[in-house]
C-alpha atoms as a PDB file:
ATOM      1  CA  UNK A   1      89.853 107.050  68.896  1.00  0.00           C
ATOM      2  CA  UNK A   2      88.600 110.468  70.025  1.00  0.00           C
ATOM      3  CA  UNK A   3      91.133 112.587  71.900  1.00  0.00           C
ATOM      4  CA  UNK A   4      90.515 115.366  74.382  1.00  0.00           C
ATOM      5  CA  UNK A   5      92.778 117.948  75.985  1.00  0.00           C
ATOM      6  CA  UNK A   6      93.159 118.094  79.743  1.00  0.00           C
ATOM      7  CA  UNK A   7      93.994 120.937  82.066  1.00  0.00           C
ATOM      8  CA  UNK A   8      97.056 120.862  84.301  1.00  0.00           C
ATOM      9  CA  UNK A   9      96.066 119.077  87.492  1.00  0.00           C
ATOM     10  CA  UNK A  10      97.319 116.408  89.880  1.00  0.00           C
ATOM     11  CA  UNK A  11      97.402 112.958  88.333  1.00  0.00           C
ATOM     12  CA  UNK A  12      96.319 110.329  90.851  1.00  0.00           C
ATOM     13  CA  UNK A  13      98.529 107.297  90.316  1.00  0.00           C
ATOM     14  CA  UNK A  14      99.005 103.798  92.073  1.00  0.00           C
ATOM     15  CA  UNK A  15     101.065 100.635  93.493  1.00  0.00           C
ATOM     16  CA  UNK A  16     101.353  98.350  96.697  1.00  0.00           C
ATOM     17  CA  UNK A  17      98.110  96.595  97.757  1.00  0.00           C
ATOM     18  CA  UNK A  18      98.074  95.358 101.310  1.00  0.00           C
ATOM     19  CA  UNK A  19     101.315  95.583 103.262  1.00  0.00           C
ATOM     20  CA  UNK A  20      99.669  94.913 106.581  1.00  0.00           C
ATOM     21  CA  UNK A  21     102.743  94.645 108.662  1.00  0.00           C
ATOM     22  CA  UNK A  22     105.379  96.728 107.861  1.00  0.00           C
ATOM     23  CA  UNK A  23     106.778  98.037 104.691  1.00  0.00           C
ATOM     24  CA  UNK A  24     107.890 101.571 103.925  1.00  0.00           C
ATOM     25  CA  UNK A  25     105.858 101.886 100.740  1.00  0.00           C
ATOM     26  CA  UNK A  26     106.628 104.520  98.138  1.00  0.00           C
ATOM     27  CA  UNK A  27     104.741 107.813  98.217  1.00  0.00           C
ATOM     28  CA  UNK A  28     103.467 109.699  95.195  1.00  0.00           C
ATOM     29  CA  UNK A  29     104.746 113.254  94.646  1.00  0.00           C
ATOM     30  CA  UNK A  30     101.622 114.514  92.850  1.00  0.00           C
ATOM     31  CA  UNK A  31     103.278 116.341  89.948  1.00  0.00           C
ATOM     32  CA  UNK A  32     100.832 117.839  87.395  1.00  0.00           C
ATOM     33  CA  UNK A  33     102.607 116.158  84.476  1.00  0.00           C
ATOM     34  CA  UNK A  34     104.514 113.094  85.688  1.00  0.00           C
ATOM     35  CA  UNK A  35     107.773 112.220  83.961  1.00  0.00           C
ATOM     36  CA  UNK A  36     108.112 109.132  81.789  1.00  0.00           C
ATOM     37  CA  UNK A  37     107.363 105.914  83.692  1.00  0.00           C
ATOM     38  CA  UNK A  38     106.638 107.870  86.877  1.00  0.00           C
ATOM     39  CA  UNK A  39     103.800 105.562  87.809  1.00  0.00           C
ATOM     40  CA  UNK A  40     106.098 102.546  87.771  1.00  0.00           C
ATOM     41  CA  UNK A  41     108.156 103.854  90.694  1.00  0.00           C
ATOM     42  CA  UNK A  42     106.194 106.432  92.662  1.00  0.00           C
ATOM     43  CA  UNK A  43     102.676 105.048  93.000  1.00  0.00           C
ATOM     44  CA  UNK A  44     101.050 103.274  95.887  1.00  0.00           C
ATOM     45  CA  UNK A  45      98.937 100.627  94.160  1.00  0.00           C
ATOM     46  CA  UNK A  46      98.955  99.502  90.540  1.00  0.00           C
ATOM     47  CA  UNK A  47      97.043  96.574  89.054  1.00  0.00           C
ATOM     48  CA  UNK A  48      95.973  95.014  85.771  1.00  0.00           C
ATOM     49  CA  UNK A  49      92.559  93.324  85.795  1.00  0.00           C
ATOM     50  CA  UNK A  50      91.131  91.083  83.081  1.00  0.00           C
ATOM     51  CA  UNK A  51      87.573  89.879  83.678  1.00  0.00           C
ATOM     52  CA  UNK A  52      85.894  87.168  81.602  1.00  0.00           C
ATOM     53  CA  UNK A  53      82.131  87.648  81.900  1.00  0.00           C
ATOM     54  CA  UNK A  54      81.423  84.334  80.151  1.00  0.00           C
ATOM     55  CA  UNK A  55      83.209  82.287  82.822  1.00  0.00           C
ATOM     56  CA  UNK A  56      82.946  84.761  85.731  1.00  0.00           C
ATOM     57  CA  UNK A  57      86.704  84.627  86.146  1.00  0.00           C
ATOM     58  CA  UNK A  58      88.995  87.484  87.141  1.00  0.00           C
ATOM     59  CA  UNK A  59      92.732  87.719  86.584  1.00  0.00           C
ATOM     60  CA  UNK A  60      94.248  90.256  88.963  1.00  0.00           C
ATOM     61  CA  UNK A  61      97.892  91.187  88.338  1.00  0.00           C
ATOM     62  CA  UNK A  62      99.417  93.339  91.068  1.00  0.00           C
ATOM     63  CA  UNK A  63     102.781  95.096  90.915  1.00  0.00           C
ATOM     64  CA  UNK A  64     104.002  95.753  94.471  1.00  0.00           C
ATOM     65  CA  UNK A  65     106.077  98.917  94.659  1.00  0.00           C
ATOM     66  CA  UNK A  66     108.293  98.752  97.685  1.00  0.00           C
ATOM     67  CA  UNK A  67     111.024 100.810  99.304  1.00  0.00           C
ATOM     68  CA  UNK A  68     112.957  99.296 102.167  1.00  0.00           C
ATOM     69  CA  UNK A  69     114.632  96.135 103.398  1.00  0.00           C
ATOM     70  CA  UNK A  70     113.479  93.083 101.474  1.00  0.00           C
ATOM     71  CA  UNK A  71     112.955  91.192 104.726  1.00  0.00           C
ATOM     72  CA  UNK A  72     110.362  93.800 105.774  1.00  0.00           C
ATOM     73  CA  UNK A  73     108.061  92.969 102.879  1.00  0.00           C
ATOM     74  CA  UNK A  74     104.810  91.318 104.052  1.00  0.00           C
ATOM     75  CA  UNK A  75     101.681  91.241 101.929  1.00  0.00           C
ATOM     76  CA  UNK A  76      98.148  89.885 102.408  1.00  0.00           C
ATOM     77  CA  UNK A  77      95.683  89.908  99.515  1.00  0.00           C
ATOM     78  CA  UNK A  78      92.019  88.944 100.077  1.00  0.00           C
ATOM     79  CA  UNK A  79      89.996  87.514  97.164  1.00  0.00           C
ATOM     80  CA  UNK A  80      86.313  86.514  96.913  1.00  0.00           C
ATOM     81  CA  UNK A  81      87.235  82.875  96.256  1.00  0.00           C
ATOM     82  CA  UNK A  82      90.285  80.633  96.521  1.00  0.00           C
ATOM     83  CA  UNK A  83      92.823  81.921  93.981  1.00  0.00           C
ATOM     84  CA  UNK A  84      95.404  80.276  91.814  1.00  0.00           C
ATOM     85  CA  UNK A  85      98.600  82.270  92.418  1.00  0.00           C
ATOM     86  CA  UNK A  86     101.256  82.484  89.715  1.00  0.00           C
ATOM     87  CA  UNK A  87     104.082  84.690  88.532  1.00  0.00           C
ATOM     88  CA  UNK A  88     103.173  87.657  86.377  1.00  0.00           C
ATOM     89  CA  UNK A  89     105.341  89.796  84.076  1.00  0.00           C
ATOM     90  CA  UNK A  90     106.333  93.372  84.875  1.00  0.00           C
ATOM     91  CA  UNK A  91     106.317  94.155  81.146  1.00  0.00           C
ATOM     92  CA  UNK A  92     102.516  94.131  81.336  1.00  0.00           C
ATOM     93  CA  UNK A  93     102.645  97.274  83.466  1.00  0.00           C
ATOM     94  CA  UNK A  94     105.388  98.975  81.453  1.00  0.00           C
ATOM     95  CA  UNK A  95     103.481  98.362  78.244  1.00  0.00           C
ATOM     96  CA  UNK A  96     100.145  99.454  79.738  1.00  0.00           C
ATOM     97  CA  UNK A  97     101.789 102.689  80.884  1.00  0.00           C
ATOM     98  CA  UNK A  98     103.238 103.288  77.417  1.00  0.00           C
ATOM     99  CA  UNK A  99     100.019 102.413  75.575  1.00  0.00           C
ATOM    100  CA  UNK A 100      97.890 104.706  77.732  1.00  0.00           C
ATOM    101  CA  UNK A 101     100.416 107.541  78.121  1.00  0.00           C
ATOM    102  CA  UNK A 102      99.125 111.055  77.329  1.00  0.00           C
ATOM    103  CA  UNK A 103      99.908 112.505  73.942  1.00  0.00           C
ATOM    104  CA  UNK A 104     102.089 115.628  74.182  1.00  0.00           C
ATOM    105  CA  UNK A 105     101.646 118.162  71.394  1.00  0.00           C
ATOM    106  CA  UNK A 106     103.256 121.549  70.884  1.00  0.00           C
ATOM    107  CA  UNK A 107     100.883 124.145  69.519  1.00  0.00           C
ATOM    108  CA  UNK A 108     103.776 125.898  67.782  1.00  0.00           C
ATOM    109  CA  UNK A 109     104.149 122.899  65.476  1.00  0.00           C
ATOM    110  CA  UNK A 110     101.840 121.397  62.991  1.00  0.00           C
ATOM    111  CA  UNK A 111     100.780 118.671  65.426  1.00  0.00           C
ATOM    112  CA  UNK A 112     103.985 116.949  64.181  1.00  0.00           C
ATOM    113  CA  UNK A 113     106.854 101.174 108.727  1.00  0.00           C
ATOM    114  CA  UNK A 114     108.595  98.836 111.332  1.00  0.00           C
ATOM    115  CA  UNK A 115     111.886  97.038 110.882  1.00  0.00           C
ATOM    116  CA  UNK A 116     111.355  93.283 111.178  1.00  0.00           C
ATOM    117  CA  UNK A 117     113.249  90.217 110.106  1.00  0.00           C
ATOM    118  CA  UNK A 118     111.416  87.053 109.114  1.00  0.00           C
ATOM    119  CA  UNK A 119     112.948  83.648 109.371  1.00  0.00           C
ATOM    120  CA  UNK A 120     111.594  80.789 107.317  1.00  0.00           C
ATOM    121  CA  UNK A 121     107.969  80.220 108.263  1.00  0.00           C
ATOM    122  CA  UNK A 122     107.473  77.128 110.369  1.00  0.00           C
ATOM    123  CA  UNK A 123     103.932  76.196 109.440  1.00  0.00           C
ATOM    124  CA  UNK A 124     101.686  74.337 111.832  1.00  0.00           C
ATOM    125  CA  UNK A 125      98.962  72.110 110.518  1.00  0.00           C
ATOM    126  CA  UNK A 126      95.484  73.467 109.930  1.00  0.00           C
ATOM    127  CA  UNK A 127      94.374  75.174 113.118  1.00  0.00           C
ATOM    128  CA  UNK A 128      90.780  75.502 114.281  1.00  0.00           C
ATOM    129  CA  UNK A 129      89.233  78.235 112.159  1.00  0.00           C
ATOM    130  CA  UNK A 130      92.123  78.431 109.641  1.00  0.00           C
ATOM    131  CA  UNK A 131      92.688  76.253 106.561  1.00  0.00           C
ATOM    132  CA  UNK A 132      95.986  76.197 104.662  1.00  0.00           C
ATOM    133  CA  UNK A 133      95.067  75.479 101.036  1.00  0.00           C
ATOM    134  CA  UNK A 134      98.631  75.667  99.749  1.00  0.00           C
ATOM    135  CA  UNK A 135     102.163  76.745 100.626  1.00  0.00           C
ATOM    136  CA  UNK A 136     104.388  77.332  97.596  1.00  0.00           C
ATOM    137  CA  UNK A 137     107.307  79.330  96.282  1.00  0.00           C
ATOM    138  CA  UNK A 138     105.977  81.603  93.498  1.00  0.00           C
ATOM    139  CA  UNK A 139     108.847  83.498  91.894  1.00  0.00           C
ATOM    140  CA  UNK A 140     110.559  85.358  94.720  1.00  0.00           C
ATOM    141  CA  UNK A 141     107.632  84.940  97.099  1.00  0.00           C
ATOM    142  CA  UNK A 142     106.854  82.465  99.838  1.00  0.00           C
ATOM    143  CA  UNK A 143     103.074  82.151  99.336  1.00  0.00           C
ATOM    144  CA  UNK A 144     100.361  80.878 101.680  1.00  0.00           C
ATOM    145  CA  UNK A 145      96.778  80.551 100.421  1.00  0.00           C
ATOM    146  CA  UNK A 146      94.403  80.476 103.373  1.00  0.00           C
ATOM    147  CA  UNK A 147      90.768  80.088 104.252  1.00  0.00           C
ATOM    148  CA  UNK A 148      89.231  81.026 107.575  1.00  0.00           C
ATOM    149  CA  UNK A 149      86.020  80.575 109.505  1.00  0.00           C
ATOM    150  CA  UNK A 150      87.301  82.466 112.541  1.00  0.00           C
ATOM    151  CA  UNK A 151      88.872  85.914 112.142  1.00  0.00           C
ATOM    152  CA  UNK A 152      90.578  85.840 115.545  1.00  0.00           C
ATOM    153  CA  UNK A 153      92.237  82.513 114.718  1.00  0.00           C
ATOM    154  CA  UNK A 154      93.331  83.931 111.362  1.00  0.00           C
ATOM    155  CA  UNK A 155      94.794  87.013 113.068  1.00  0.00           C
ATOM    156  CA  UNK A 156      96.650  84.786 115.541  1.00  0.00           C
ATOM    157  CA  UNK A 157      98.090  82.702 112.686  1.00  0.00           C
ATOM    158  CA  UNK A 158      99.144  85.746 110.661  1.00  0.00           C
ATOM    159  CA  UNK A 159     100.791  87.192 113.756  1.00  0.00           C
ATOM    160  CA  UNK A 160     102.642  83.958 114.477  1.00  0.00           C
ATOM    161  CA  UNK A 161     103.864  83.822 110.872  1.00  0.00           C
ATOM    162  CA  UNK A 162     105.082  87.438 110.935  1.00  0.00           C
ATOM    163  CA  UNK A 163     102.414  89.175 108.815  1.00  0.00           C
ATOM    164  CA  UNK A 164     100.837  91.047 111.717  1.00  0.00           C
ATOM    165  CA  UNK A 165     102.289  92.418 114.909  1.00  0.00           C
ATOM    166  CA  UNK A 166     100.970  93.783 118.183  1.00  0.00           C
ATOM    167  CA  UNK A 167     100.819  97.373 116.890  1.00  0.00           C
ATOM    168  CA  UNK A 168      98.365  96.647 114.093  1.00  0.00           C
ATOM    169  CA  UNK A 169      96.551  93.410 114.863  1.00  0.00           C
ATOM    170  CA  UNK A 170      93.720  95.173 116.758  1.00  0.00           C
ATOM    171  CA  UNK A 171      93.106  97.553 113.839  1.00  0.00           C
ATOM    172  CA  UNK A 172      93.224  94.755 111.261  1.00  0.00           C
ATOM    173  CA  UNK A 173      90.927  92.341 113.108  1.00  0.00           C
ATOM    174  CA  UNK A 174      87.608  94.065 112.182  1.00  0.00           C
ATOM    175  CA  UNK A 175      88.656  94.044 108.518  1.00  0.00           C
ATOM    176  CA  UNK A 176      89.527  90.356 108.688  1.00  0.00           C
ATOM    177  CA  UNK A 177      86.174  89.679 110.360  1.00  0.00           C
ATOM    178  CA  UNK A 178      84.355  91.367 107.471  1.00  0.00           C
ATOM    179  CA  UNK A 179      86.226  89.314 104.888  1.00  0.00           C
ATOM    180  CA  UNK A 180      85.709  86.061 106.823  1.00  0.00           C
ATOM    181  CA  UNK A 181      81.988  86.804 107.135  1.00  0.00           C
ATOM    182  CA  UNK A 182      81.826  87.311 103.370  1.00  0.00           C
ATOM    183  CA  UNK A 183      83.611  84.005 102.797  1.00  0.00           C
ATOM    184  CA  UNK A 184      86.757  85.461 101.188  1.00  0.00           C
ATOM    185  CA  UNK A 185      90.123  83.722 100.974  1.00  0.00           C
ATOM    186  CA  UNK A 186      93.539  85.168 101.804  1.00  0.00           C
ATOM    187  CA  UNK A 187      96.937  85.010 100.129  1.00  0.00           C
ATOM    188  CA  UNK A 188      99.832  85.859 102.450  1.00  0.00           C
ATOM    189  CA  UNK A 189     103.193  86.506 100.838  1.00  0.00           C
ATOM    190  CA  UNK A 190     106.660  87.508 101.872  1.00  0.00           C
ATOM    191  CA  UNK A 191     109.912  87.680  99.942  1.00  0.00           C
ATOM    192  CA  UNK A 192     111.986  84.524 100.050  1.00  0.00           C
ATOM    193  CA  UNK A 193     115.526  85.702 100.779  1.00  0.00           C
ATOM    194  CA  UNK A 194     117.005  82.742  98.951  1.00  0.00           C
ATOM    195  CA  UNK A 195     114.891  83.315  95.820  1.00  0.00           C
ATOM    196  CA  UNK A 196     115.453  87.083  95.972  1.00  0.00           C
ATOM    197  CA  UNK A 197     119.207  86.653  95.859  1.00  0.00           C
ATOM    198  CA  UNK A 198     120.032  88.154  99.225  1.00  0.00           C
ATOM    199  CA  UNK A 199     119.509  91.791  98.178  1.00  0.00           C
ATOM    200  CA  UNK A 200     118.956  93.733 101.368  1.00  0.00           C
ATOM    201  CA  UNK A 201     117.433  96.984 100.114  1.00  0.00           C
ATOM    202  CA  UNK A 202     114.979  97.498  97.281  1.00  0.00           C
ATOM    203  CA  UNK A 203     113.336 100.512  95.664  1.00  0.00           C
ATOM    204  CA  UNK A 204     110.705 100.342  92.944  1.00  0.00           C
ATOM    205  CA  UNK A 205     108.603  97.565  91.508  1.00  0.00           C
ATOM    206  CA  UNK A 206     109.128  94.105  92.917  1.00  0.00           C
ATOM    207  CA  UNK A 207     108.030  91.098  90.834  1.00  0.00           C
ATOM    208  CA  UNK A 208     104.292  91.188  90.026  1.00  0.00           C
ATOM    209  CA  UNK A 209     101.917  88.387  90.950  1.00  0.00           C
ATOM    210  CA  UNK A 210      98.810  87.049  89.203  1.00  0.00           C
ATOM    211  CA  UNK A 211      95.729  85.920  91.116  1.00  0.00           C
ATOM    212  CA  UNK A 212      93.064  84.004  89.180  1.00  0.00           C
ATOM    213  CA  UNK A 213      89.757  83.452  90.951  1.00  0.00           C
ATOM    214  CA  UNK A 214      86.028  83.066  90.386  1.00  0.00           C
ATOM    215  CA  UNK A 215      84.063  86.319  90.636  1.00  0.00           C
ATOM    216  CA  UNK A 216      80.882  87.510  88.972  1.00  0.00           C
ATOM    217  CA  UNK A 217      81.912  91.117  89.623  1.00  0.00           C
ATOM    218  CA  UNK A 218      85.162  92.913  88.867  1.00  0.00           C
ATOM    219  CA  UNK A 219      86.643  93.538  92.290  1.00  0.00           C
ATOM    220  CA  UNK A 220      89.784  95.121  93.649  1.00  0.00           C
ATOM    221  CA  UNK A 221      90.535  94.548  97.373  1.00  0.00           C
ATOM    222  CA  UNK A 222      90.877  97.878  99.191  1.00  0.00           C
ATOM    223  CA  UNK A 223      89.618  97.549 102.763  1.00  0.00           C
ATOM    224  CA  UNK A 224      92.749  95.847 104.010  1.00  0.00           C
ATOM    225  CA  UNK A 225      94.973  98.533 102.431  1.00  0.00           C
ATOM    226  CA  UNK A 226      93.903 101.219 104.894  1.00  0.00           C
ATOM    227  CA  UNK A 227      95.954  99.639 107.665  1.00  0.00           C
ATOM    228  CA  UNK A 228      99.267 100.214 105.881  1.00  0.00           C
ATOM    229  CA  UNK A 229      98.409 103.375 103.988  1.00  0.00           C
ATOM    230  CA  UNK A 230     100.006 106.798 104.300  1.00  0.00           C
ATOM    231  CA  UNK A 231      97.873 109.966 104.511  1.00  0.00           C
ATOM    232  CA  UNK A 232      96.932 109.475 100.880  1.00  0.00           C
ATOM    233  CA  UNK A 233      97.088 106.446  98.614  1.00  0.00           C
ATOM    234  CA  UNK A 234      97.192 106.724  94.823  1.00  0.00           C
ATOM    235  CA  UNK A 235      95.618 103.886  92.859  1.00  0.00           C
ATOM    236  CA  UNK A 236      95.782 102.995  89.152  1.00  0.00           C
ATOM    237  CA  UNK A 237      93.777 100.154  87.642  1.00  0.00           C
ATOM    238  CA  UNK A 238      94.099  98.938  84.069  1.00  0.00           C
ATOM    239  CA  UNK A 239      90.855  97.081  83.385  1.00  0.00           C
ATOM    240  CA  UNK A 240      90.152  94.804  80.414  1.00  0.00           C
ATOM    241  CA  UNK A 241      86.468  93.932  80.033  1.00  0.00           C
ATOM    242  CA  UNK A 242      83.605  93.918  77.538  1.00  0.00           C
ATOM    243  CA  UNK A 243      82.850  97.603  78.144  1.00  0.00           C
ATOM    244  CA  UNK A 244      84.346 100.803  79.528  1.00  0.00           C
ATOM    245  CA  UNK A 245      84.434 100.450  83.313  1.00  0.00           C
ATOM    246  CA  UNK A 246      84.525 102.807  86.268  1.00  0.00           C
ATOM    247  CA  UNK A 247      84.232 103.006  90.055  1.00  0.00           C
ATOM    248  CA  UNK A 248      83.086 105.770  92.419  1.00  0.00           C
ATOM    249  CA  UNK A 249      84.958 109.053  91.889  1.00  0.00           C
ATOM    250  CA  UNK A 250      87.457 107.426  89.529  1.00  0.00           C
ATOM    251  CA  UNK A 251      89.266 109.482  86.935  1.00  0.00           C
ATOM    252  CA  UNK A 252      89.390 107.930  83.470  1.00  0.00           C
ATOM    253  CA  UNK A 253      92.860 108.426  81.985  1.00  0.00           C
ATOM    254  CA  UNK A 254      92.400 106.171  78.965  1.00  0.00           C
ATOM    255  CA  UNK A 255      89.525 104.287  77.341  1.00  0.00           C
ATOM    256  CA  UNK A 256      89.620 102.343  74.078  1.00  0.00           C
ATOM    257  CA  UNK A 257      87.911  99.389  72.426  1.00  0.00           C
ATOM    258  CA  UNK A 258      90.437  97.456  70.353  1.00  0.00           C
ATOM    259  CA  UNK A 259      89.706  97.152  66.672  1.00  0.00           C
ATOM    260  CA  UNK A 260      91.432  94.478  64.609  1.00  0.00           C
ATOM    261  CA  UNK A 261      93.951  97.018  63.279  1.00  0.00           C
ATOM    262  CA  UNK A 262      94.634  98.424  66.759  1.00  0.00           C
ATOM    263  CA  UNK A 263      95.111  94.929  68.196  1.00  0.00           C
ATOM    264  CA  UNK A 264      97.594  94.100  65.432  1.00  0.00           C
ATOM    265  CA  UNK A 265      99.515  97.303  66.188  1.00  0.00           C
ATOM    266  CA  UNK A 266      99.527  96.606  69.948  1.00  0.00           C
ATOM    267  CA  UNK A 267     100.765  93.060  69.387  1.00  0.00           C
ATOM    268  CA  UNK A 268     103.519  94.384  67.142  1.00  0.00           C
ATOM    269  CA  UNK A 269     104.723  97.058  69.555  1.00  0.00           C
ATOM    270  CA  UNK A 270     103.753  95.610  72.947  1.00  0.00           C
ATOM    271  CA  UNK A 271     104.075  91.862  72.496  1.00  0.00           C
ATOM    272  CA  UNK A 272     103.519  90.782  76.117  1.00  0.00           C
ATOM    273  CA  UNK A 273     100.421  92.907  76.622  1.00  0.00           C
ATOM    274  CA  UNK A 274      99.154  92.200  73.114  1.00  0.00           C
ATOM    275  CA  UNK A 275      99.276  88.445  73.670  1.00  0.00           C
ATOM    276  CA  UNK A 276      96.772  88.892  76.526  1.00  0.00           C
ATOM    277  CA  UNK A 277      94.258  90.919  74.515  1.00  0.00           C
ATOM    278  CA  UNK A 278      91.598  90.103  71.945  1.00  0.00           C
ATOM    279  CA  UNK A 279      89.771  92.114  69.302  1.00  0.00           C
ATOM    280  CA  UNK A 280      86.828  93.910  70.903  1.00  0.00           C
ATOM    281  CA  UNK A 281      88.385  94.138  74.375  1.00  0.00           C
ATOM    282  CA  UNK A 282      87.762  97.479  76.063  1.00  0.00           C
ATOM    283  CA  UNK A 283      90.773  98.808  77.982  1.00  0.00           C
ATOM    284  CA  UNK A 284      90.097 101.401  80.681  1.00  0.00           C
ATOM    285  CA  UNK A 285      92.739 103.109  82.807  1.00  0.00           C
ATOM    286  CA  UNK A 286      91.269 104.428  86.060  1.00  0.00           C
ATOM    287  CA  UNK A 287      92.913 106.362  88.866  1.00  0.00           C
ATOM    288  CA  UNK A 288      91.992 107.952  92.164  1.00  0.00           C
ATOM    289  CA  UNK A 289      93.670 109.214  95.336  1.00  0.00           C
ATOM    290  CA  UNK A 290      92.267 107.780  98.580  1.00  0.00           C
ATOM    291  CA  UNK A 291      92.657 108.665 102.227  1.00  0.00           C
ATOM    292  CA  UNK A 292      92.706 105.741 104.688  1.00  0.00           C
ATOM    293  CA  UNK A 293      89.182 106.702 105.823  1.00  0.00           C
ATOM    294  CA  UNK A 294      87.966 106.334 102.228  1.00  0.00           C
ATOM    295  CA  UNK A 295      89.412 102.843 101.910  1.00  0.00           C
ATOM    296  CA  UNK A 296      86.554 101.293 103.879  1.00  0.00           C
ATOM    297  CA  UNK A 297      85.145  99.266 100.990  1.00  0.00           C
ATOM    298  CA  UNK A 298      86.596  97.106  98.255  1.00  0.00           C
ATOM    299  CA  UNK A 299      86.338  98.557  94.785  1.00  0.00           C
ATOM    300  CA  UNK A 300      83.567  96.948  92.752  1.00  0.00           C
ATOM    301  CA  UNK A 301      83.864  98.131  89.180  1.00  0.00           C
ATOM    302  CA  UNK A 302      80.790  98.767  87.089  1.00  0.00           C
ATOM    303  CA  UNK A 303      80.029  99.583  83.491  1.00  0.00           C
ATOM    304  CA  UNK A 304      80.424 103.273  82.651  1.00  0.00           C
ATOM    305  CA  UNK A 305      77.479 105.274  81.326  1.00  0.00           C
ATOM    306  CA  UNK A 306      78.872 104.991  77.801  1.00  0.00           C
ATOM    307  CA  UNK A 307      81.614 103.270  75.836  1.00  0.00           C
ATOM    308  CA  UNK A 308      82.993 106.607  74.647  1.00  0.00           C
ATOM    309  CA  UNK A 309      86.719 106.387  73.953  1.00  0.00           C
ATOM    310  CA  UNK A 310      89.228 108.785  75.481  1.00  0.00           C
ATOM    311  CA  UNK A 311      92.944 109.607  75.398  1.00  0.00           C
ATOM    312  CA  UNK A 312      94.654 112.470  77.186  1.00  0.00           C
ATOM    313  CA  UNK A 313      96.340 115.178  75.150  1.00  0.00           C
ATOM    314  CA  UNK A 314      98.543 117.771  76.878  1.00  0.00           C
ATOM    315  CA  UNK A 315      99.367 120.937  74.936  1.00  0.00           C
ATOM    316  CA  UNK A 316     102.343 123.254  75.283  1.00  0.00           C
ATOM    317  CA  UNK A 317     103.354 126.460  73.516  1.00  0.00           C
ATOM    318  CA  UNK A 318     101.053 128.977  71.825  1.00  0.00           C
ATOM    319  CA  UNK A 319      98.465 127.653  69.359  1.00  0.00           C
ATOM    320  CA  UNK A 320      99.195 128.519  65.743  1.00  0.00           C
ATOM    321  CA  UNK A 321      95.757 130.049  65.272  1.00  0.00           C
ATOM    322  CA  UNK A 322      96.119 132.150  68.412  1.00  0.00           C
ATOM    323  CA  UNK A 323      99.563 133.260  67.307  1.00  0.00           C
ATOM    324  CA  UNK A 324      98.210 134.328  63.910  1.00  0.00           C
ATOM    325  CA  UNK A 325      95.344 136.212  65.510  1.00  0.00           C
ATOM    326  CA  UNK A 326      97.768 138.008  67.835  1.00  0.00           C
ATOM    327  CA  UNK A 327      99.958 138.965  64.881  1.00  0.00           C
ATOM    328  CA  UNK A 328      96.962 140.275  62.941  1.00  0.00           C
ATOM    329  CA  UNK A 329      95.825 142.256  65.994  1.00  0.00           C
ATOM    330  CA  UNK A 330      99.244 143.850  66.435  1.00  0.00           C
ATOM    331  CA  UNK A 331      99.298 144.721  62.709  1.00  0.00           C
ATOM    332  CA  UNK A 332      95.872 146.358  62.846  1.00  0.00           C
ATOM    333  CA  UNK A 333      96.861 148.425  65.879  1.00  0.00           C
ATOM    334  CA  UNK A 334     100.022 149.613  64.099  1.00  0.00           C
ATOM    335  CA  UNK A 335      97.957 150.522  61.008  1.00  0.00           C
ATOM    336  CA  UNK A 336      95.515 152.560  63.108  1.00  0.00           C
ATOM    337  CA  UNK A 337      98.350 154.473  64.776  1.00  0.00           C
ATOM    338  CA  UNK A 338      99.906 155.202  61.378  1.00  0.00           C
ATOM    339  CA  UNK A 339      96.610 156.520  60.032  1.00  0.00           C
ATOM    340  CA  UNK A 340      96.208 158.805  63.044  1.00  0.00           C
ATOM    341  CA  UNK A 341      99.671 160.258  62.480  1.00  0.00           C
ATOM    342  CA  UNK A 342      98.849 160.818  58.795  1.00  0.00           C
END
């Protein structure tokens, strides 16, 4: 894999997707060189996407990063078709972060929101304009998978179930209308207190969730995120596809097509992630910082202009060659002064 050096600049990072109602989500600090595993705790949205072009199927794994009372956690995820919702594994994100982490080399060496409490949801039957496809416990989450033909009815239902409230329902309604018009489905989740173990306060990554759904394109839902976003929102996507991928104004932090030897090494060192990968898969790590005004469209990923591979390399210290040149220069200056004195 080809490596390139990078200059010191802000690294856009990412975590929570669509906390419509209420959570105090974590904010990124924007350090030029984030400490180890920084993205796992201090990002706004982080996801792992695996798209199968042969079957037009997308697996979207999302790691919600949350800071606040567990009972305040409310999450709505739109998808282009009805998803199958299952538990994911947080090791996927840890291992992605480790695999794609920048290489650090020393040049002196020889490269050696609102407080709410939710009771158990009392679900009505299917209302006019809203269809309940399923209601299950998935890991620590109470999960509703919904369809809708009427955005206002959907907003009313989400409000009644505690996912929206009077302070944000008016702002969310136009977004819901756009999704309903496009025929998208909705997964509404909240933490089940019983499954969560009664922990009142939480900071960091909550359990990730996997959404599997039919989609010809690689998509990442963004429009709904604007309603719960801070002044800026940092996003990281790990994308597994046939080619290097990108989206508008994305920064590529890592890009690599797995050879047989690389896949064997990944499976040896990162067993969870490696079990999900195949020889020839192209892994791209993309990041960008958004303002709420910029989160007016969902991200539709497209093939990059080339499949060039990339890995960040950060340098510290003085390069050996530069140090030698400086020493030679100092020696020549001393020799000139000596000759003048002679």
